[in-house]
Amino acid sequence: MKLYLTALAALLMSGMAHAADVIDVHRDANCGCCKDWIKYLEANGFEVRDHVESNMSAVKQKLGVAPRLGSCHTGVIDGKFVEGHVPVAAIHELKKRDDLAGVAVPGMPAGSPGMDYGQPHQQYQVIGLTTKGRDLVLGDYLGAQPVR
């Protein structure tokens, strides 16, 4: 019986280790690239809760997204914002950083996750907003890949 309980506990714990990260995504109903970013997140193991909003400006303001960091959709994971076409690597980095209130890819760079429509890719930056209100460049990207 003890062996059975140990095996059951190990099975349950391994299932918990593989549980999908849950992200809430707030978006306008008519935004196609927002839907494409959601598909990108789901393809990379995230469970997405999709929220169609009538006033994205109010959502962003409530979540503390500074206008200079704005894009078309806003995610929330573990109480932190994810603004715009942020690659999953940067979202995983955000989860590890207690000093960050959120991350953003300002604007809608061509080739970023959810914005890949066959056009040449633009290099862009992922910006972290610290809990003290400072911007930090967390990385340069081309598509979903960091530029080294």
N, C-alpha and C. Protein backbone atom coordinates (compact mmCIF):
# COMPACT_ATOMS: atom_id res chain seq x y z
N MET A 1 0.82 -1.19 0.00
CA MET A 1 0.00 0.00 0.00
C MET A 1 0.87 1.26 0.00
N LYS A 2 1.96 1.24 0.80
CA LYS A 2 2.84 2.40 0.86
C LYS A 2 3.48 2.66 -0.50
N LEU A 3 3.88 1.61 -1.21
CA LEU A 3 4.47 1.75 -2.54
C LEU A 3 3.45 2.36 -3.50
N TYR A 4 2.20 1.93 -3.41
CA TYR A 4 1.12 2.45 -4.26
C TYR A 4 0.94 3.96 -4.03
N LEU A 5 0.90 4.38 -2.77
CA LEU A 5 0.72 5.79 -2.45
C LEU A 5 1.91 6.63 -2.92
N THR A 6 3.12 6.08 -2.79
CA THR A 6 4.30 6.79 -3.26
C THR A 6 4.25 6.96 -4.77
N ALA A 7 3.86 5.92 -5.49
CA ALA A 7 3.76 5.98 -6.95
C ALA A 7 2.67 6.97 -7.36
N LEU A 8 1.54 6.97 -6.66
CA LEU A 8 0.45 7.89 -6.97
C LEU A 8 0.90 9.34 -6.74
N ALA A 9 1.58 9.59 -5.65
CA ALA A 9 2.07 10.94 -5.36
C ALA A 9 3.05 11.41 -6.44
N ALA A 10 3.95 10.53 -6.87
CA ALA A 10 4.91 10.87 -7.92
C ALA A 10 4.20 11.19 -9.23
N LEU A 11 3.18 10.41 -9.56
CA LEU A 11 2.41 10.63 -10.78
C LEU A 11 1.70 11.99 -10.74
N LEU A 12 1.09 12.29 -9.62
CA LEU A 12 0.39 13.57 -9.48
C LEU A 12 1.35 14.74 -9.57
N MET A 13 2.50 14.63 -8.93
CA MET A 13 3.48 15.71 -8.96
C MET A 13 4.05 15.90 -10.35
N SER A 14 4.27 14.83 -11.10
CA SER A 14 4.79 14.99 -12.46
C SER A 14 3.76 15.63 -13.35
N GLY A 15 2.49 15.36 -13.13
CA GLY A 15 1.43 16.01 -13.89
C GLY A 15 1.37 17.49 -13.60
N MET A 16 1.62 17.86 -12.36
CA MET A 16 1.61 19.27 -11.98
C MET A 16 2.79 20.00 -12.61
N ALA A 17 3.90 19.32 -12.76
CA ALA A 17 5.07 19.96 -13.35
C ALA A 17 4.86 20.27 -14.82
N HIS A 18 3.96 19.54 -15.48
CA HIS A 18 3.72 19.74 -16.90
C HIS A 18 2.43 20.52 -17.17
N ALA A 19 1.82 21.06 -16.13
CA ALA A 19 0.60 21.82 -16.32
C ALA A 19 0.91 23.07 -17.15
N ALA A 20 -0.01 23.42 -18.02
CA ALA A 20 0.18 24.57 -18.89
C ALA A 20 0.14 25.86 -18.08
N ASP A 21 0.96 26.82 -18.50
CA ASP A 21 0.87 28.16 -17.94
C ASP A 21 -0.43 28.77 -18.44
N VAL A 22 -1.14 29.44 -17.56
CA VAL A 22 -2.41 30.08 -17.93
C VAL A 22 -2.16 31.57 -18.11
N ILE A 23 -2.61 32.09 -19.23
CA ILE A 23 -2.49 33.52 -19.51
C ILE A 23 -3.86 34.04 -19.95
N ASP A 24 -4.26 35.15 -19.37
CA ASP A 24 -5.48 35.84 -19.78
C ASP A 24 -5.10 36.84 -20.86
N VAL A 25 -5.78 36.80 -21.99
CA VAL A 25 -5.50 37.74 -23.07
C VAL A 25 -6.73 38.61 -23.30
N HIS A 26 -6.52 39.92 -23.21
CA HIS A 26 -7.56 40.91 -23.43
C HIS A 26 -7.33 41.51 -24.81
N ARG A 27 -8.40 41.54 -25.63
CA ARG A 27 -8.24 42.00 -27.01
C ARG A 27 -9.55 42.59 -27.53
N ASP A 28 -9.42 43.31 -28.62
CA ASP A 28 -10.57 43.83 -29.35
C ASP A 28 -11.14 42.70 -30.22
N ALA A 29 -12.43 42.68 -30.39
CA ALA A 29 -13.09 41.61 -31.16
C ALA A 29 -12.64 41.54 -32.61
N ASN A 30 -12.24 42.67 -33.19
CA ASN A 30 -11.93 42.72 -34.62
C ASN A 30 -10.46 42.57 -34.95
N CYS A 31 -9.64 42.23 -33.99
CA CYS A 31 -8.19 42.17 -34.20
C CYS A 31 -7.75 40.77 -34.62
N GLY A 32 -7.29 40.64 -35.85
CA GLY A 32 -6.81 39.35 -36.36
C GLY A 32 -5.46 38.95 -35.80
N CYS A 33 -4.55 39.91 -35.64
CA CYS A 33 -3.22 39.55 -35.14
C CYS A 33 -3.28 39.11 -33.68
N CYS A 34 -4.27 39.62 -32.94
CA CYS A 34 -4.45 39.18 -31.56
C CYS A 34 -4.80 37.70 -31.52
N LYS A 35 -5.67 37.30 -32.43
CA LYS A 35 -6.05 35.88 -32.52
C LYS A 35 -4.84 35.04 -32.93
N ASP A 36 -4.00 35.57 -33.81
CA ASP A 36 -2.80 34.84 -34.23
C ASP A 36 -1.80 34.71 -33.09
N TRP A 37 -1.68 35.73 -32.23
CA TRP A 37 -0.79 35.64 -31.07
C TRP A 37 -1.31 34.59 -30.09
N ILE A 38 -2.63 34.52 -29.93
CA ILE A 38 -3.23 33.49 -29.07
C ILE A 38 -2.90 32.10 -29.61
N LYS A 39 -3.01 31.91 -30.92
CA LYS A 39 -2.66 30.61 -31.52
C LYS A 39 -1.19 30.27 -31.27
N TYR A 40 -0.32 31.27 -31.38
CA TYR A 40 1.11 31.09 -31.12
C TYR A 40 1.34 30.65 -29.67
N LEU A 41 0.66 31.31 -28.72
CA LEU A 41 0.79 30.92 -27.32
C LEU A 41 0.33 29.49 -27.10
N GLU A 42 -0.83 29.15 -27.65
CA GLU A 42 -1.36 27.79 -27.48
C GLU A 42 -0.44 26.74 -28.10
N ALA A 43 0.15 27.06 -29.25
CA ALA A 43 1.08 26.13 -29.90
C ALA A 43 2.35 25.94 -29.07
N ASN A 44 2.61 26.88 -28.16
CA ASN A 44 3.79 26.81 -27.30
C ASN A 44 3.44 26.42 -25.87
N GLY A 45 2.29 25.77 -25.68
CA GLY A 45 1.97 25.16 -24.41
C GLY A 45 1.19 25.99 -23.41
N PHE A 46 0.77 27.19 -23.79
CA PHE A 46 0.00 28.03 -22.87
C PHE A 46 -1.49 27.70 -22.97
N GLU A 47 -2.16 27.79 -21.84
CA GLU A 47 -3.61 27.75 -21.82
C GLU A 47 -4.06 29.20 -21.83
N VAL A 48 -4.83 29.58 -22.84
CA VAL A 48 -5.23 30.97 -23.01
C VAL A 48 -6.70 31.14 -22.64
N ARG A 49 -6.95 32.13 -21.80
CA ARG A 49 -8.32 32.56 -21.51
C ARG A 49 -8.51 33.87 -22.27
N ASP A 50 -9.37 33.82 -23.26
CA ASP A 50 -9.58 34.91 -24.21
C ASP A 50 -10.69 35.82 -23.72
N HIS A 51 -10.37 37.12 -23.57
CA HIS A 51 -11.35 38.12 -23.11
C HIS A 51 -11.52 39.18 -24.19
N VAL A 52 -12.68 39.24 -24.79
CA VAL A 52 -12.98 40.27 -25.78
C VAL A 52 -13.45 41.51 -25.02
N GLU A 53 -12.79 42.63 -25.29
CA GLU A 53 -13.03 43.87 -24.55
C GLU A 53 -13.59 44.96 -25.47
N SER A 54 -14.39 45.83 -24.90
CA SER A 54 -14.90 46.97 -25.66
C SER A 54 -14.05 48.22 -25.46
N ASN A 55 -13.20 48.24 -24.41
CA ASN A 55 -12.37 49.41 -24.13
C ASN A 55 -10.98 48.96 -23.69
N MET A 56 -10.11 48.72 -24.67
CA MET A 56 -8.76 48.25 -24.35
C MET A 56 -7.93 49.31 -23.61
N SER A 57 -8.19 50.57 -23.87
CA SER A 57 -7.44 51.62 -23.16
C SER A 57 -7.66 51.52 -21.65
N ALA A 58 -8.89 51.26 -21.25
CA ALA A 58 -9.20 51.12 -19.82
C ALA A 58 -8.52 49.89 -19.24
N VAL A 59 -8.49 48.80 -20.00
CA VAL A 59 -7.83 47.57 -19.54
C VAL A 59 -6.35 47.84 -19.32
N LYS A 60 -5.71 48.47 -20.29
CA LYS A 60 -4.27 48.76 -20.19
C LYS A 60 -3.98 49.67 -19.00
N GLN A 61 -4.80 50.69 -18.82
CA GLN A 61 -4.61 51.62 -17.71
C GLN A 61 -4.73 50.89 -16.37
N LYS A 62 -5.74 50.04 -16.25
CA LYS A 62 -5.95 49.29 -15.02
C LYS A 62 -4.75 48.38 -14.70
N LEU A 63 -4.14 47.81 -15.74
CA LEU A 63 -3.02 46.88 -15.56
C LEU A 63 -1.66 47.58 -15.44
N GLY A 64 -1.63 48.89 -15.63
CA GLY A 64 -0.38 49.63 -15.48
C GLY A 64 0.50 49.64 -16.72
N VAL A 65 -0.10 49.43 -17.90
CA VAL A 65 0.67 49.46 -19.14
C VAL A 65 0.83 50.92 -19.57
N ALA A 66 2.04 51.41 -19.56
CA ALA A 66 2.31 52.79 -19.96
C ALA A 66 2.03 52.95 -21.45
N PRO A 67 1.46 54.07 -21.87
CA PRO A 67 1.15 54.28 -23.30
C PRO A 67 2.36 54.08 -24.22
N ARG A 68 3.57 54.42 -23.77
CA ARG A 68 4.77 54.25 -24.60
C ARG A 68 5.06 52.78 -24.92
N LEU A 69 4.47 51.87 -24.14
CA LEU A 69 4.70 50.44 -24.34
C LEU A 69 3.55 49.77 -25.09
N GLY A 70 2.56 50.54 -25.51
CA GLY A 70 1.32 50.00 -26.04
C GLY A 70 1.42 49.23 -27.34
N SER A 71 0.50 48.29 -27.45
CA SER A 71 0.29 47.50 -28.65
C SER A 71 -1.21 47.21 -28.74
N CYS A 72 -1.59 46.16 -29.42
CA CYS A 72 -3.02 45.94 -29.65
C CYS A 72 -3.70 45.03 -28.62
N HIS A 73 -2.99 44.15 -27.97
CA HIS A 73 -3.60 43.25 -26.98
C HIS A 73 -2.73 43.21 -25.73
N THR A 74 -3.36 42.78 -24.63
CA THR A 74 -2.65 42.73 -23.36
C THR A 74 -2.94 41.41 -22.67
N GLY A 75 -1.88 40.69 -22.33
CA GLY A 75 -2.01 39.46 -21.56
C GLY A 75 -1.71 39.72 -20.10
N VAL A 76 -2.15 38.80 -19.27
CA VAL A 76 -1.84 38.85 -17.84
C VAL A 76 -1.47 37.43 -17.41
N ILE A 77 -0.29 37.30 -16.81
CA ILE A 77 0.16 36.01 -16.30
C ILE A 77 0.79 36.25 -14.92
N ASP A 78 0.33 35.49 -13.96
CA ASP A 78 0.83 35.63 -12.58
C ASP A 78 0.75 37.07 -12.08
N GLY A 79 -0.30 37.80 -12.49
CA GLY A 79 -0.49 39.17 -12.04
C GLY A 79 0.35 40.21 -12.75
N LYS A 80 1.11 39.81 -13.77
CA LYS A 80 1.98 40.72 -14.52
C LYS A 80 1.46 40.87 -15.94
N PHE A 81 1.65 42.06 -16.53
CA PHE A 81 1.15 42.27 -17.89
C PHE A 81 2.15 41.80 -18.94
N VAL A 82 1.60 41.39 -20.07
CA VAL A 82 2.35 41.00 -21.26
C VAL A 82 1.71 41.77 -22.41
N GLU A 83 2.35 42.86 -22.82
CA GLU A 83 1.76 43.78 -23.79
C GLU A 83 2.31 43.52 -25.19
N GLY A 84 1.39 43.23 -26.12
CA GLY A 84 1.77 43.10 -27.51
C GLY A 84 2.30 41.74 -27.89
N HIS A 85 3.09 41.72 -28.96
CA HIS A 85 3.53 40.48 -29.60
C HIS A 85 4.81 39.93 -28.97
N VAL A 86 4.72 39.62 -27.69
CA VAL A 86 5.85 39.16 -26.89
C VAL A 86 6.12 37.68 -27.17
N PRO A 87 7.37 37.31 -27.45
CA PRO A 87 7.72 35.90 -27.63
C PRO A 87 7.64 35.12 -26.31
N VAL A 88 7.37 33.82 -26.41
CA VAL A 88 7.21 33.01 -25.20
C VAL A 88 8.46 32.99 -24.33
N ALA A 89 9.64 33.07 -24.93
CA ALA A 89 10.87 33.08 -24.12
C ALA A 89 10.87 34.26 -23.16
N ALA A 90 10.38 35.40 -23.61
CA ALA A 90 10.33 36.58 -22.75
C ALA A 90 9.24 36.44 -21.68
N ILE A 91 8.17 35.74 -22.00
CA ILE A 91 7.12 35.51 -21.00
C ILE A 91 7.65 34.60 -19.89
N HIS A 92 8.39 33.58 -20.29
CA HIS A 92 9.00 32.69 -19.28
C HIS A 92 10.00 33.46 -18.41
N GLU A 93 10.74 34.36 -19.02
CA GLU A 93 11.69 35.19 -18.27
C GLU A 93 10.94 36.09 -17.28
N LEU A 94 9.83 36.67 -17.72
CA LEU A 94 9.01 37.52 -16.85
C LEU A 94 8.59 36.77 -15.60
N LYS A 95 8.19 35.52 -15.75
CA LYS A 95 7.72 34.73 -14.61
C LYS A 95 8.81 34.54 -13.55
N LYS A 96 10.08 34.63 -13.95
CA LYS A 96 11.19 34.44 -13.02
C LYS A 96 11.64 35.73 -12.34
N ARG A 97 11.11 36.87 -12.78
CA ARG A 97 11.63 38.17 -12.36
C ARG A 97 10.65 38.88 -11.43
N ASP A 98 10.99 38.92 -10.14
CA ASP A 98 10.17 39.63 -9.17
C ASP A 98 10.28 41.14 -9.33
N ASP A 99 11.32 41.61 -9.99
CA ASP A 99 11.53 43.05 -10.16
C ASP A 99 10.72 43.65 -11.31
N LEU A 100 10.02 42.81 -12.08
CA LEU A 100 9.27 43.30 -13.23
C LEU A 100 7.77 43.28 -13.00
N ALA A 101 7.11 44.36 -13.42
CA ALA A 101 5.65 44.44 -13.39
C ALA A 101 5.05 43.88 -14.67
N GLY A 102 5.86 43.85 -15.73
CA GLY A 102 5.39 43.33 -17.01
C GLY A 102 6.44 43.46 -18.09
N VAL A 103 6.09 42.95 -19.27
CA VAL A 103 6.95 43.04 -20.45
C VAL A 103 6.11 43.51 -21.63
N ALA A 104 6.78 44.12 -22.61
CA ALA A 104 6.06 44.66 -23.75
C ALA A 104 6.90 44.60 -25.01
N VAL A 105 6.21 44.44 -26.13
CA VAL A 105 6.75 44.70 -27.45
C VAL A 105 5.89 45.83 -28.01
N PRO A 106 6.37 47.07 -27.88
CA PRO A 106 5.58 48.21 -28.36
C PRO A 106 5.31 48.12 -29.86
N GLY A 107 4.14 48.61 -30.24
CA GLY A 107 3.77 48.60 -31.66
C GLY A 107 3.42 47.20 -32.14
N MET A 108 3.63 46.98 -33.40
CA MET A 108 3.29 45.70 -34.02
C MET A 108 4.37 45.34 -35.04
N PRO A 109 5.58 44.96 -34.58
CA PRO A 109 6.69 44.71 -35.50
C PRO A 109 6.42 43.54 -36.45
N ALA A 110 6.73 43.75 -37.71
CA ALA A 110 6.56 42.71 -38.73
C ALA A 110 7.41 41.50 -38.38
N GLY A 111 6.78 40.33 -38.40
CA GLY A 111 7.48 39.09 -38.14
C GLY A 111 7.49 38.66 -36.69
N SER A 112 7.05 39.53 -35.78
CA SER A 112 6.96 39.13 -34.37
C SER A 112 5.83 38.11 -34.22
N PRO A 113 5.80 37.34 -33.13
CA PRO A 113 4.75 36.33 -32.97
C PRO A 113 3.35 36.93 -33.12
N GLY A 114 2.59 36.37 -34.04
CA GLY A 114 1.25 36.88 -34.34
C GLY A 114 1.24 37.91 -35.46
N MET A 115 2.41 38.36 -35.88
CA MET A 115 2.51 39.36 -36.95
C MET A 115 3.34 38.84 -38.13
N ASP A 116 3.40 37.54 -38.29
CA ASP A 116 4.19 36.95 -39.38
C ASP A 116 3.27 36.64 -40.55
N TYR A 117 3.23 37.58 -41.48
CA TYR A 117 2.36 37.43 -42.65
C TYR A 117 3.17 37.34 -43.94
N GLY A 118 4.40 36.83 -43.85
CA GLY A 118 5.22 36.61 -45.02
C GLY A 118 6.08 37.81 -45.44
N GLN A 119 5.97 38.90 -44.75
CA GLN A 119 6.76 40.08 -45.06
C GLN A 119 8.14 39.98 -44.40
N PRO A 120 9.10 40.80 -44.81
CA PRO A 120 10.40 40.79 -44.13
C PRO A 120 10.22 41.10 -42.64
N HIS A 121 10.98 40.41 -41.81
CA HIS A 121 10.89 40.60 -40.36
C HIS A 121 11.66 41.84 -39.95
N GLN A 122 11.10 42.56 -38.98
CA GLN A 122 11.78 43.69 -38.36
C GLN A 122 12.44 43.21 -37.07
N GLN A 123 13.61 43.74 -36.76
CA GLN A 123 14.20 43.49 -35.45
C GLN A 123 13.47 44.38 -34.46
N TYR A 124 13.21 43.87 -33.27
CA TYR A 124 12.48 44.63 -32.26
C TYR A 124 13.02 44.29 -30.88
N GLN A 125 12.63 45.09 -29.90
CA GLN A 125 13.07 44.86 -28.53
C GLN A 125 11.90 44.46 -27.64
N VAL A 126 12.20 43.60 -26.67
CA VAL A 126 11.27 43.31 -25.59
C VAL A 126 11.69 44.19 -24.42
N ILE A 127 10.74 44.98 -23.94
CA ILE A 127 10.99 45.92 -22.87
C ILE A 127 10.35 45.42 -21.58
N GLY A 128 11.10 45.41 -20.51
CA GLY A 128 10.54 45.08 -19.20
C GLY A 128 10.28 46.37 -18.44
N LEU A 129 9.15 46.43 -17.75
CA LEU A 129 8.84 47.56 -16.89
C LEU A 129 9.06 47.10 -15.46
N THR A 130 9.99 47.75 -14.76
CA THR A 130 10.27 47.35 -13.38
C THR A 130 9.13 47.78 -12.47
N THR A 131 9.10 47.19 -11.30
CA THR A 131 8.08 47.57 -10.30
C THR A 131 8.30 49.00 -9.82
N LYS A 132 9.47 49.58 -10.11
CA LYS A 132 9.76 50.98 -9.76
C LYS A 132 9.51 51.93 -10.92
N GLY A 133 8.99 51.39 -12.06
CA GLY A 133 8.62 52.23 -13.18
C GLY A 133 9.69 52.49 -14.21
N ARG A 134 10.81 51.78 -14.15
CA ARG A 134 11.89 51.95 -15.14
C ARG A 134 11.74 50.96 -16.27
N ASP A 135 12.11 51.38 -17.48
CA ASP A 135 12.14 50.48 -18.64
C ASP A 135 13.51 49.81 -18.71
N LEU A 136 13.51 48.51 -18.99
CA LEU A 136 14.74 47.75 -19.22
C LEU A 136 14.61 47.01 -20.53
N VAL A 137 15.64 47.04 -21.36
CA VAL A 137 15.64 46.23 -22.58
C VAL A 137 16.02 44.81 -22.16
N LEU A 138 15.09 43.88 -22.35
CA LEU A 138 15.34 42.49 -21.97
C LEU A 138 15.96 41.68 -23.11
N GLY A 139 15.83 42.16 -24.34
CA GLY A 139 16.43 41.45 -25.45
C GLY A 139 15.99 42.01 -26.78
N ASP A 140 16.82 41.74 -27.79
CA ASP A 140 16.52 42.07 -29.18
C ASP A 140 16.08 40.78 -29.86
N TYR A 141 15.04 40.88 -30.68
CA TYR A 141 14.46 39.70 -31.33
C TYR A 141 14.27 39.94 -32.81
N LEU A 142 14.26 38.86 -33.55
CA LEU A 142 13.89 38.83 -34.96
C LEU A 142 12.93 37.64 -35.08
N GLY A 143 11.68 37.90 -35.39
CA GLY A 143 10.66 36.85 -35.27
C GLY A 143 10.52 36.51 -33.80
N ALA A 144 10.45 35.22 -33.48
CA ALA A 144 10.33 34.80 -32.09
C ALA A 144 11.68 34.47 -31.47
N GLN A 145 12.76 34.68 -32.23
CA GLN A 145 14.09 34.27 -31.78
C GLN A 145 14.93 35.46 -31.31
N PRO A 146 15.65 35.28 -30.19
CA PRO A 146 16.55 36.35 -29.75
C PRO A 146 17.68 36.55 -30.77
N VAL A 147 18.10 37.80 -30.92
CA VAL A 147 19.24 38.13 -31.77
C VAL A 147 20.46 38.15 -30.87
N ARG A 148 21.48 37.43 -31.22
CA ARG A 148 22.67 37.36 -30.38
C ARG A 148 23.78 38.18 -30.94
